[in-house]
C-alpha atoms as a PDB file:
ATOM      1  CA  MET A   1      -5.528   0.800  42.556  1.00  0.00           C
ATOM      2  CA  ALA A   2      -6.190  -2.055  44.980  1.00  0.00           C
ATOM      3  CA  PRO A   3      -4.626  -1.663  48.452  1.00  0.00           C
ATOM      4  CA  GLU A   4      -1.681  -3.753  49.541  1.00  0.00           C
ATOM      5  CA  PRO A   5      -2.565  -6.569  51.960  1.00  0.00           C
ATOM      6  CA  PRO A   6      -1.163  -6.317  55.506  1.00  0.00           C
ATOM      7  CA  PRO A   7       2.094  -8.288  55.842  1.00  0.00           C
ATOM      8  CA  LEU A   8       0.584 -10.334  58.682  1.00  0.00           C
ATOM      9  CA  LEU A   9      -2.316 -11.415  56.456  1.00  0.00           C
ATOM     10  CA  ALA A  10       0.063 -12.335  53.620  1.00  0.00           C
ATOM     11  CA  ALA A  11       2.163 -14.360  56.070  1.00  0.00           C
ATOM     12  CA  ALA A  12      -0.983 -16.110  57.349  1.00  0.00           C
ATOM     13  CA  CYS A  13      -1.960 -17.052  53.781  1.00  0.00           C
ATOM     14  CA  ILE A  14       1.472 -18.508  53.120  1.00  0.00           C
ATOM     15  CA  GLY A  15       1.730 -20.334  56.448  1.00  0.00           C
ATOM     16  CA  CYS A  16      -1.771 -21.828  56.421  1.00  0.00           C
ATOM     17  CA  THR A  17      -1.536 -22.888  52.767  1.00  0.00           C
ATOM     18  CA  LEU A  18       1.848 -24.532  53.241  1.00  0.00           C
ATOM     19  CA  ALA A  19       0.439 -26.345  56.284  1.00  0.00           C
ATOM     20  CA  MET A  20      -2.385 -27.601  54.053  1.00  0.00           C
ATOM     21  CA  PHE A  21       0.099 -28.756  51.409  1.00  0.00           C
ATOM     22  CA  GLY A  22       2.174 -30.340  54.174  1.00  0.00           C
ATOM     23  CA  THR A  23      -0.590 -32.801  55.000  1.00  0.00           C
ATOM     24  CA  GLY A  24       0.593 -34.662  51.905  1.00  0.00           C
ATOM     25  CA  LEU A  25       3.898 -35.324  53.653  1.00  0.00           C
ATOM     26  CA  SER A  26       2.240 -38.172  55.552  1.00  0.00           C
ATOM     27  CA  ASP A  27       1.509 -39.818  52.199  1.00  0.00           C
ATOM     28  CA  LEU A  28       5.099 -39.176  51.149  1.00  0.00           C
ATOM     29  CA  ARG A  29       6.454 -40.779  54.341  1.00  0.00           C
ATOM     30  CA  GLN A  30       4.147 -43.768  53.835  1.00  0.00           C
ATOM     31  CA  MET A  31       5.327 -44.265  50.252  1.00  0.00           C
ATOM     32  CA  LEU A  32       8.982 -44.045  51.275  1.00  0.00           C
ATOM     33  CA  ALA A  33       8.518 -46.348  54.287  1.00  0.00           C
ATOM     34  CA  THR A  34       6.451 -49.035  52.561  1.00  0.00           C
ATOM     35  CA  LYS A  35       7.871 -48.550  49.043  1.00  0.00           C
ATOM     36  CA  SER A  36       4.268 -48.807  47.913  1.00  0.00           C
ATOM     37  CA  VAL A  37       1.416 -46.517  46.830  1.00  0.00           C
ATOM     38  CA  GLU A  38      -1.307 -48.701  48.321  1.00  0.00           C
ATOM     39  CA  ASN A  39      -4.279 -46.703  49.684  1.00  0.00           C
ATOM     40  CA  ILE A  40      -2.842 -43.462  48.266  1.00  0.00           C
ATOM     41  CA  GLN A  41      -4.676 -41.591  45.520  1.00  0.00           C
ATOM     42  CA  PHE A  42      -2.716 -40.068  42.662  1.00  0.00           C
ATOM     43  CA  LEU A  43      -5.345 -37.689  41.265  1.00  0.00           C
ATOM     44  CA  PRO A  44      -5.244 -35.174  44.186  1.00  0.00           C
ATOM     45  CA  PHE A  45      -1.495 -34.690  43.636  1.00  0.00           C
ATOM     46  CA  LEU A  46      -2.073 -34.065  39.933  1.00  0.00           C
ATOM     47  CA  THR A  47      -5.012 -31.667  40.274  1.00  0.00           C
ATOM     48  CA  THR A  48      -3.327 -29.715  43.078  1.00  0.00           C
ATOM     49  CA  ASP A  49      -0.221 -29.333  40.913  1.00  0.00           C
ATOM     50  CA  ILE A  50      -2.334 -27.936  38.068  1.00  0.00           C
ATOM     51  CA  ASN A  51      -4.011 -25.590  40.537  1.00  0.00           C
ATOM     52  CA  ASN A  52      -0.689 -24.383  41.954  1.00  0.00           C
ATOM     53  CA  LEU A  53       0.853 -23.780  38.533  1.00  0.00           C
ATOM     54  CA  SER A  54      -2.263 -21.928  37.334  1.00  0.00           C
ATOM     55  CA  TRP A  55      -2.274 -19.632  40.368  1.00  0.00           C
ATOM     56  CA  LEU A  56       1.476 -19.168  39.946  1.00  0.00           C
ATOM     57  CA  GLY A  57       0.814 -17.843  36.454  1.00  0.00           C
ATOM     58  CA  TYR A  58      -1.914 -15.562  37.793  1.00  0.00           C
ATOM     59  CA  GLY A  59       0.421 -14.305  40.514  1.00  0.00           C
ATOM     60  CA  CYS A  60       3.154 -13.573  37.954  1.00  0.00           C
ATOM     61  CA  LEU A  61       0.740 -11.608  35.741  1.00  0.00           C
ATOM     62  CA  LYS A  62      -0.562  -9.713  38.759  1.00  0.00           C
ATOM     63  CA  GLN A  63       2.937  -9.378  40.267  1.00  0.00           C
ATOM     64  CA  ASP A  64       1.584 -10.668  43.571  1.00  0.00           C
ATOM     65  CA  TRP A  65       4.543 -12.054  45.512  1.00  0.00           C
ATOM     66  CA  THR A  66       2.346 -13.811  48.074  1.00  0.00           C
ATOM     67  CA  LEU A  67       0.694 -15.867  45.326  1.00  0.00           C
ATOM     68  CA  ILE A  68       4.037 -16.444  43.635  1.00  0.00           C
ATOM     69  CA  ALA A  69       5.771 -17.652  46.810  1.00  0.00           C
ATOM     70  CA  VAL A  70       3.079 -20.001  48.070  1.00  0.00           C
ATOM     71  CA  ASN A  71       2.330 -21.576  44.699  1.00  0.00           C
ATOM     72  CA  THR A  72       5.986 -22.016  43.776  1.00  0.00           C
ATOM     73  CA  ILE A  73       6.505 -24.044  46.959  1.00  0.00           C
ATOM     74  CA  GLY A  74       3.184 -25.832  46.494  1.00  0.00           C
ATOM     75  CA  ALA A  75       3.955 -26.815  42.905  1.00  0.00           C
ATOM     76  CA  ALA A  76       7.397 -28.085  43.943  1.00  0.00           C
ATOM     77  CA  LEU A  77       5.878 -30.228  46.713  1.00  0.00           C
ATOM     78  CA  GLN A  78       3.155 -31.659  44.477  1.00  0.00           C
ATOM     79  CA  THR A  79       5.702 -32.431  41.753  1.00  0.00           C
ATOM     80  CA  LEU A  80       7.796 -34.260  44.353  1.00  0.00           C
ATOM     81  CA  TYR A  81       4.765 -36.289  45.435  1.00  0.00           C
ATOM     82  CA  ILE A  82       4.037 -37.135  41.784  1.00  0.00           C
ATOM     83  CA  LEU A  83       7.603 -38.281  41.098  1.00  0.00           C
ATOM     84  CA  VAL A  84       7.724 -40.473  44.219  1.00  0.00           C
ATOM     85  CA  TYR A  85       4.314 -41.935  43.374  1.00  0.00           C
ATOM     86  CA  LEU A  86       5.481 -42.669  39.837  1.00  0.00           C
ATOM     87  CA  TYR A  87       8.632 -44.340  41.164  1.00  0.00           C
ATOM     88  CA  TYR A  88       6.764 -46.730  43.480  1.00  0.00           C
ATOM     89  CA  SER A  89       3.604 -47.259  41.436  1.00  0.00           C
ATOM     90  CA  PRO A  90       3.241 -50.659  39.748  1.00  0.00           C
ATOM     91  CA  ALA A  91       0.967 -49.028  37.136  1.00  0.00           C
ATOM     92  CA  LYS A  92       3.617 -46.678  35.800  1.00  0.00           C
ATOM     93  CA  ARG A  93       2.099 -46.421  32.333  1.00  0.00           C
ATOM     94  CA  ALA A  94      -1.233 -45.100  33.630  1.00  0.00           C
ATOM     95  CA  VAL A  95       0.458 -42.655  36.017  1.00  0.00           C
ATOM     96  CA  LEU A  96       2.835 -41.453  33.307  1.00  0.00           C
ATOM     97  CA  LEU A  97      -0.065 -40.996  30.881  1.00  0.00           C
ATOM     98  CA  GLN A  98      -1.951 -38.852  33.390  1.00  0.00           C
ATOM     99  CA  SER A  99       1.200 -36.807  34.015  1.00  0.00           C
ATOM    100  CA  LEU A 100       1.661 -36.271  30.283  1.00  0.00           C
ATOM    101  CA  VAL A 101      -1.954 -35.107  30.045  1.00  0.00           C
ATOM    102  CA  LEU A 102      -1.124 -32.598  32.791  1.00  0.00           C
ATOM    103  CA  LEU A 103       1.823 -31.295  30.782  1.00  0.00           C
ATOM    104  CA  ALA A 104      -0.323 -31.073  27.642  1.00  0.00           C
ATOM    105  CA  VAL A 105      -3.002 -29.102  29.501  1.00  0.00           C
ATOM    106  CA  LEU A 106      -0.402 -26.719  30.889  1.00  0.00           C
ATOM    107  CA  ALA A 107       1.259 -26.265  27.484  1.00  0.00           C
ATOM    108  CA  THR A 108      -2.122 -25.596  25.855  1.00  0.00           C
ATOM    109  CA  GLY A 109      -3.066 -23.118  28.567  1.00  0.00           C
ATOM    110  CA  TYR A 110       0.281 -21.333  28.277  1.00  0.00           C
ATOM    111  CA  GLY A 111      -0.107 -21.076  24.507  1.00  0.00           C
ATOM    112  CA  TYR A 112      -3.655 -19.746  24.804  1.00  0.00           C
ATOM    113  CA  PHE A 113      -2.925 -17.107  27.433  1.00  0.00           C
ATOM    114  CA  THR A 114       0.331 -15.899  25.863  1.00  0.00           C
ATOM    115  CA  LEU A 115      -0.361 -16.185  22.115  1.00  0.00           C
ATOM    116  CA  VAL A 116      -4.144 -15.952  21.670  1.00  0.00           C
ATOM    117  CA  VAL A 117      -5.064 -13.464  24.393  1.00  0.00           C
ATOM    118  CA  GLY A 118      -2.997 -10.392  23.595  1.00  0.00           C
ATOM    119  CA  ASP A 119      -4.440  -7.810  25.978  1.00  0.00           C
ATOM    120  CA  ALA A 120      -2.831  -8.026  29.436  1.00  0.00           C
ATOM    121  CA  ARG A 121      -5.999  -7.109  31.365  1.00  0.00           C
ATOM    122  CA  THR A 122      -8.086  -9.618  29.424  1.00  0.00           C
ATOM    123  CA  ARG A 123      -5.413 -12.275  29.978  1.00  0.00           C
ATOM    124  CA  LEU A 124      -5.424 -11.619  33.720  1.00  0.00           C
ATOM    125  CA  ALA A 125      -9.226 -11.759  33.900  1.00  0.00           C
ATOM    126  CA  ARG A 126      -9.526 -14.992  31.910  1.00  0.00           C
ATOM    127  CA  LEU A 127      -6.729 -16.716  33.810  1.00  0.00           C
ATOM    128  CA  GLY A 128      -8.286 -15.566  37.084  1.00  0.00           C
ATOM    129  CA  LEU A 129     -11.632 -17.010  35.993  1.00  0.00           C
ATOM    130  CA  PHE A 130     -10.001 -20.337  35.100  1.00  0.00           C
ATOM    131  CA  CYS A 131      -8.128 -20.479  38.424  1.00  0.00           C
ATOM    132  CA  SER A 132     -11.315 -19.673  40.339  1.00  0.00           C
ATOM    133  CA  ALA A 133     -13.381 -22.317  38.561  1.00  0.00           C
ATOM    134  CA  PHE A 134     -10.686 -24.962  39.008  1.00  0.00           C
ATOM    135  CA  THR A 135     -10.249 -24.177  42.704  1.00  0.00           C
ATOM    136  CA  ILE A 136     -14.015 -24.344  43.298  1.00  0.00           C
ATOM    137  CA  SER A 137     -14.166 -27.737  41.566  1.00  0.00           C
ATOM    138  CA  MET A 138     -11.346 -28.991  43.811  1.00  0.00           C
ATOM    139  CA  TYR A 139     -13.081 -27.853  46.972  1.00  0.00           C
ATOM    140  CA  LEU A 140     -16.371 -29.443  45.879  1.00  0.00           C
ATOM    141  CA  SER A 141     -14.819 -32.720  44.691  1.00  0.00           C
ATOM    142  CA  PRO A 142     -14.775 -34.322  48.195  1.00  0.00           C
ATOM    143  CA  LEU A 143     -18.589 -34.144  48.403  1.00  0.00           C
ATOM    144  CA  ALA A 144     -18.731 -37.835  47.465  1.00  0.00           C
ATOM    145  CA  ASP A 145     -16.556 -38.618  50.501  1.00  0.00           C
ATOM    146  CA  LEU A 146     -18.867 -36.578  52.714  1.00  0.00           C
ATOM    147  CA  ALA A 147     -21.865 -38.527  51.445  1.00  0.00           C
ATOM    148  CA  ARG A 148     -19.973 -41.759  52.158  1.00  0.00           C
ATOM    149  CA  VAL A 149     -19.385 -40.584  55.729  1.00  0.00           C
ATOM    150  CA  VAL A 150     -23.120 -40.065  56.251  1.00  0.00           C
ATOM    151  CA  GLN A 151     -23.926 -43.483  54.801  1.00  0.00           C
ATOM    152  CA  SER A 152     -21.311 -45.374  56.809  1.00  0.00           C
ATOM    153  CA  ARG A 153     -21.596 -43.186  59.960  1.00  0.00           C
ATOM    154  CA  SER A 154     -17.807 -43.174  60.091  1.00  0.00           C
ATOM    155  CA  THR A 155     -15.253 -40.410  59.483  1.00  0.00           C
ATOM    156  CA  ARG A 156     -12.374 -42.798  58.849  1.00  0.00           C
ATOM    157  CA  CYS A 157     -12.051 -41.613  55.239  1.00  0.00           C
ATOM    158  CA  LEU A 158     -11.635 -37.978  56.342  1.00  0.00           C
ATOM    159  CA  SER A 159      -8.495 -36.234  57.579  1.00  0.00           C
ATOM    160  CA  PHE A 160      -9.036 -33.896  60.531  1.00  0.00           C
ATOM    161  CA  PRO A 161      -5.672 -32.064  60.060  1.00  0.00           C
ATOM    162  CA  LEU A 162      -6.590 -31.467  56.401  1.00  0.00           C
ATOM    163  CA  ALA A 163      -9.989 -30.080  57.428  1.00  0.00           C
ATOM    164  CA  VAL A 164      -8.339 -27.677  59.906  1.00  0.00           C
ATOM    165  CA  THR A 165      -5.631 -26.454  57.522  1.00  0.00           C
ATOM    166  CA  THR A 166      -8.110 -26.123  54.636  1.00  0.00           C
ATOM    167  CA  CYS A 167     -10.407 -24.008  56.783  1.00  0.00           C
ATOM    168  CA  LEU A 168      -7.548 -21.765  57.911  1.00  0.00           C
ATOM    169  CA  ALA A 169      -6.098 -21.428  54.401  1.00  0.00           C
ATOM    170  CA  SER A 170      -9.496 -20.719  52.795  1.00  0.00           C
ATOM    171  CA  SER A 171     -10.364 -18.137  55.457  1.00  0.00           C
ATOM    172  CA  SER A 172      -6.992 -16.401  55.056  1.00  0.00           C
ATOM    173  CA  TRP A 173      -7.261 -16.233  51.260  1.00  0.00           C
ATOM    174  CA  THR A 174     -10.865 -15.002  51.458  1.00  0.00           C
ATOM    175  CA  LEU A 175      -9.730 -12.098  53.642  1.00  0.00           C
ATOM    176  CA  TYR A 176      -6.745 -11.567  51.341  1.00  0.00           C
ATOM    177  CA  GLY A 177      -8.995 -11.358  48.280  1.00  0.00           C
ATOM    178  CA  LEU A 178     -11.354  -8.960  50.042  1.00  0.00           C
ATOM    179  CA  GLN A 179      -8.411  -6.755  50.997  1.00  0.00           C
ATOM    180  CA  LEU A 180      -7.217  -6.680  47.368  1.00  0.00           C
ATOM    181  CA  ARG A 181     -10.776  -6.410  46.017  1.00  0.00           C
ATOM    182  CA  ASP A 182     -10.021  -9.416  43.829  1.00  0.00           C
ATOM    183  CA  PRO A 183     -13.081 -11.647  43.364  1.00  0.00           C
ATOM    184  CA  TYR A 184     -10.978 -14.294  41.610  1.00  0.00           C
ATOM    185  CA  ILE A 185      -9.224 -14.908  44.934  1.00  0.00           C
ATOM    186  CA  THR A 186     -12.183 -14.314  47.264  1.00  0.00           C
ATOM    187  CA  VAL A 187     -14.972 -16.321  45.624  1.00  0.00           C
ATOM    188  CA  PRO A 188     -13.258 -19.727  45.110  1.00  0.00           C
ATOM    189  CA  ASN A 189     -12.132 -19.893  48.738  1.00  0.00           C
ATOM    190  CA  VAL A 190     -15.634 -19.573  50.193  1.00  0.00           C
ATOM    191  CA  PRO A 191     -16.522 -23.205  49.248  1.00  0.00           C
ATOM    192  CA  GLY A 192     -13.354 -24.272  51.069  1.00  0.00           C
ATOM    193  CA  ILE A 193     -14.671 -22.711  54.268  1.00  0.00           C
ATOM    194  CA  VAL A 194     -18.112 -24.266  53.774  1.00  0.00           C
ATOM    195  CA  THR A 195     -16.837 -27.792  53.101  1.00  0.00           C
ATOM    196  CA  SER A 196     -14.457 -27.532  56.065  1.00  0.00           C
ATOM    197  CA  VAL A 197     -17.324 -26.555  58.380  1.00  0.00           C
ATOM    198  CA  VAL A 198     -19.298 -29.525  57.044  1.00  0.00           C
ATOM    199  CA  ARG A 199     -16.327 -31.794  57.813  1.00  0.00           C
ATOM    200  CA  PHE A 200     -16.110 -30.437  61.372  1.00  0.00           C
ATOM    201  CA  TRP A 201     -19.812 -31.117  61.843  1.00  0.00           C
ATOM    202  CA  LEU A 202     -19.384 -34.685  60.562  1.00  0.00           C
ATOM    203  CA  PHE A 203     -16.467 -35.273  62.933  1.00  0.00           C
ATOM    204  CA  TRP A 204     -18.671 -34.057  65.803  1.00  0.00           C
ATOM    205  CA  ARG A 205     -21.799 -35.901  64.641  1.00  0.00           C
ATOM    206  CA  TYR A 206     -20.159 -39.308  64.172  1.00  0.00           C
ATOM    207  CA  ARG A 207     -17.398 -39.077  66.783  1.00  0.00           C
ATOM    208  CA  ASP A 208     -18.794 -41.981  68.842  1.00  0.00           C
ATOM    209  CA  LYS A 209     -20.719 -43.829  66.152  1.00  0.00           C
ATOM    210  CA  PRO A 210     -19.730 -47.383  65.218  1.00  0.00           C
ATOM    211  CA  HIS A 211     -18.708 -47.985  61.626  1.00  0.00           C
ATOM    212  CA  ARG A 212     -21.536 -49.274  59.445  1.00  0.00           C
ATOM    213  CA  PRO A 213     -20.283 -51.141  56.344  1.00  0.00           C
ATOM    214  CA  LEU A 214     -21.648 -49.892  53.049  1.00  0.00           C
ATOM    215  CA  PRO A 215     -23.663 -52.333  50.946  1.00  0.00           C
ATOM    216  CA  ALA A 216     -21.714 -54.000  48.157  1.00  0.00           C
END
């Protein structure tokens, strides 16, 4: 039986992850203040919501209250961001279509893991594998932004608070997974630490560099 994580470590996971989710509040304030979604991307809200709901399912199967708590709050926040974005977006049809695709993916996943996979241990392992793969893809998705930073010699497209909170959250969950001996939690958070360190290096490397426009 895997050991219980120390309460302080569980609290650190919750606090750091909620701080990471909270960086989206600046986008929420901007949408409410300007009544516009200009310069705000919708896809990160959608993918993070899928990620939160997937880990929520994993936490429920595992009966891990730390996972359940943090991903319940995270899913609620991301859903709020999605609804506000939908309200102010001029391209409501496209946003609604993407949201419906999200619901279809979740419904399909729920049907697969509850109806097709009958064994509880197999269900937990397969859902853990899906959550891990999805989380890794999310952490690696900003690599295009990092390449853009190197090309333009400017970190204006990066968020320093997001880099800090991502590093803290990833480090906390890596330790949490090691404590529980759960590779599905440990492994996907290592790329989060690596990409955060790369962001810190870019902030240091180009802190005084003038912006160089990218070629059209």
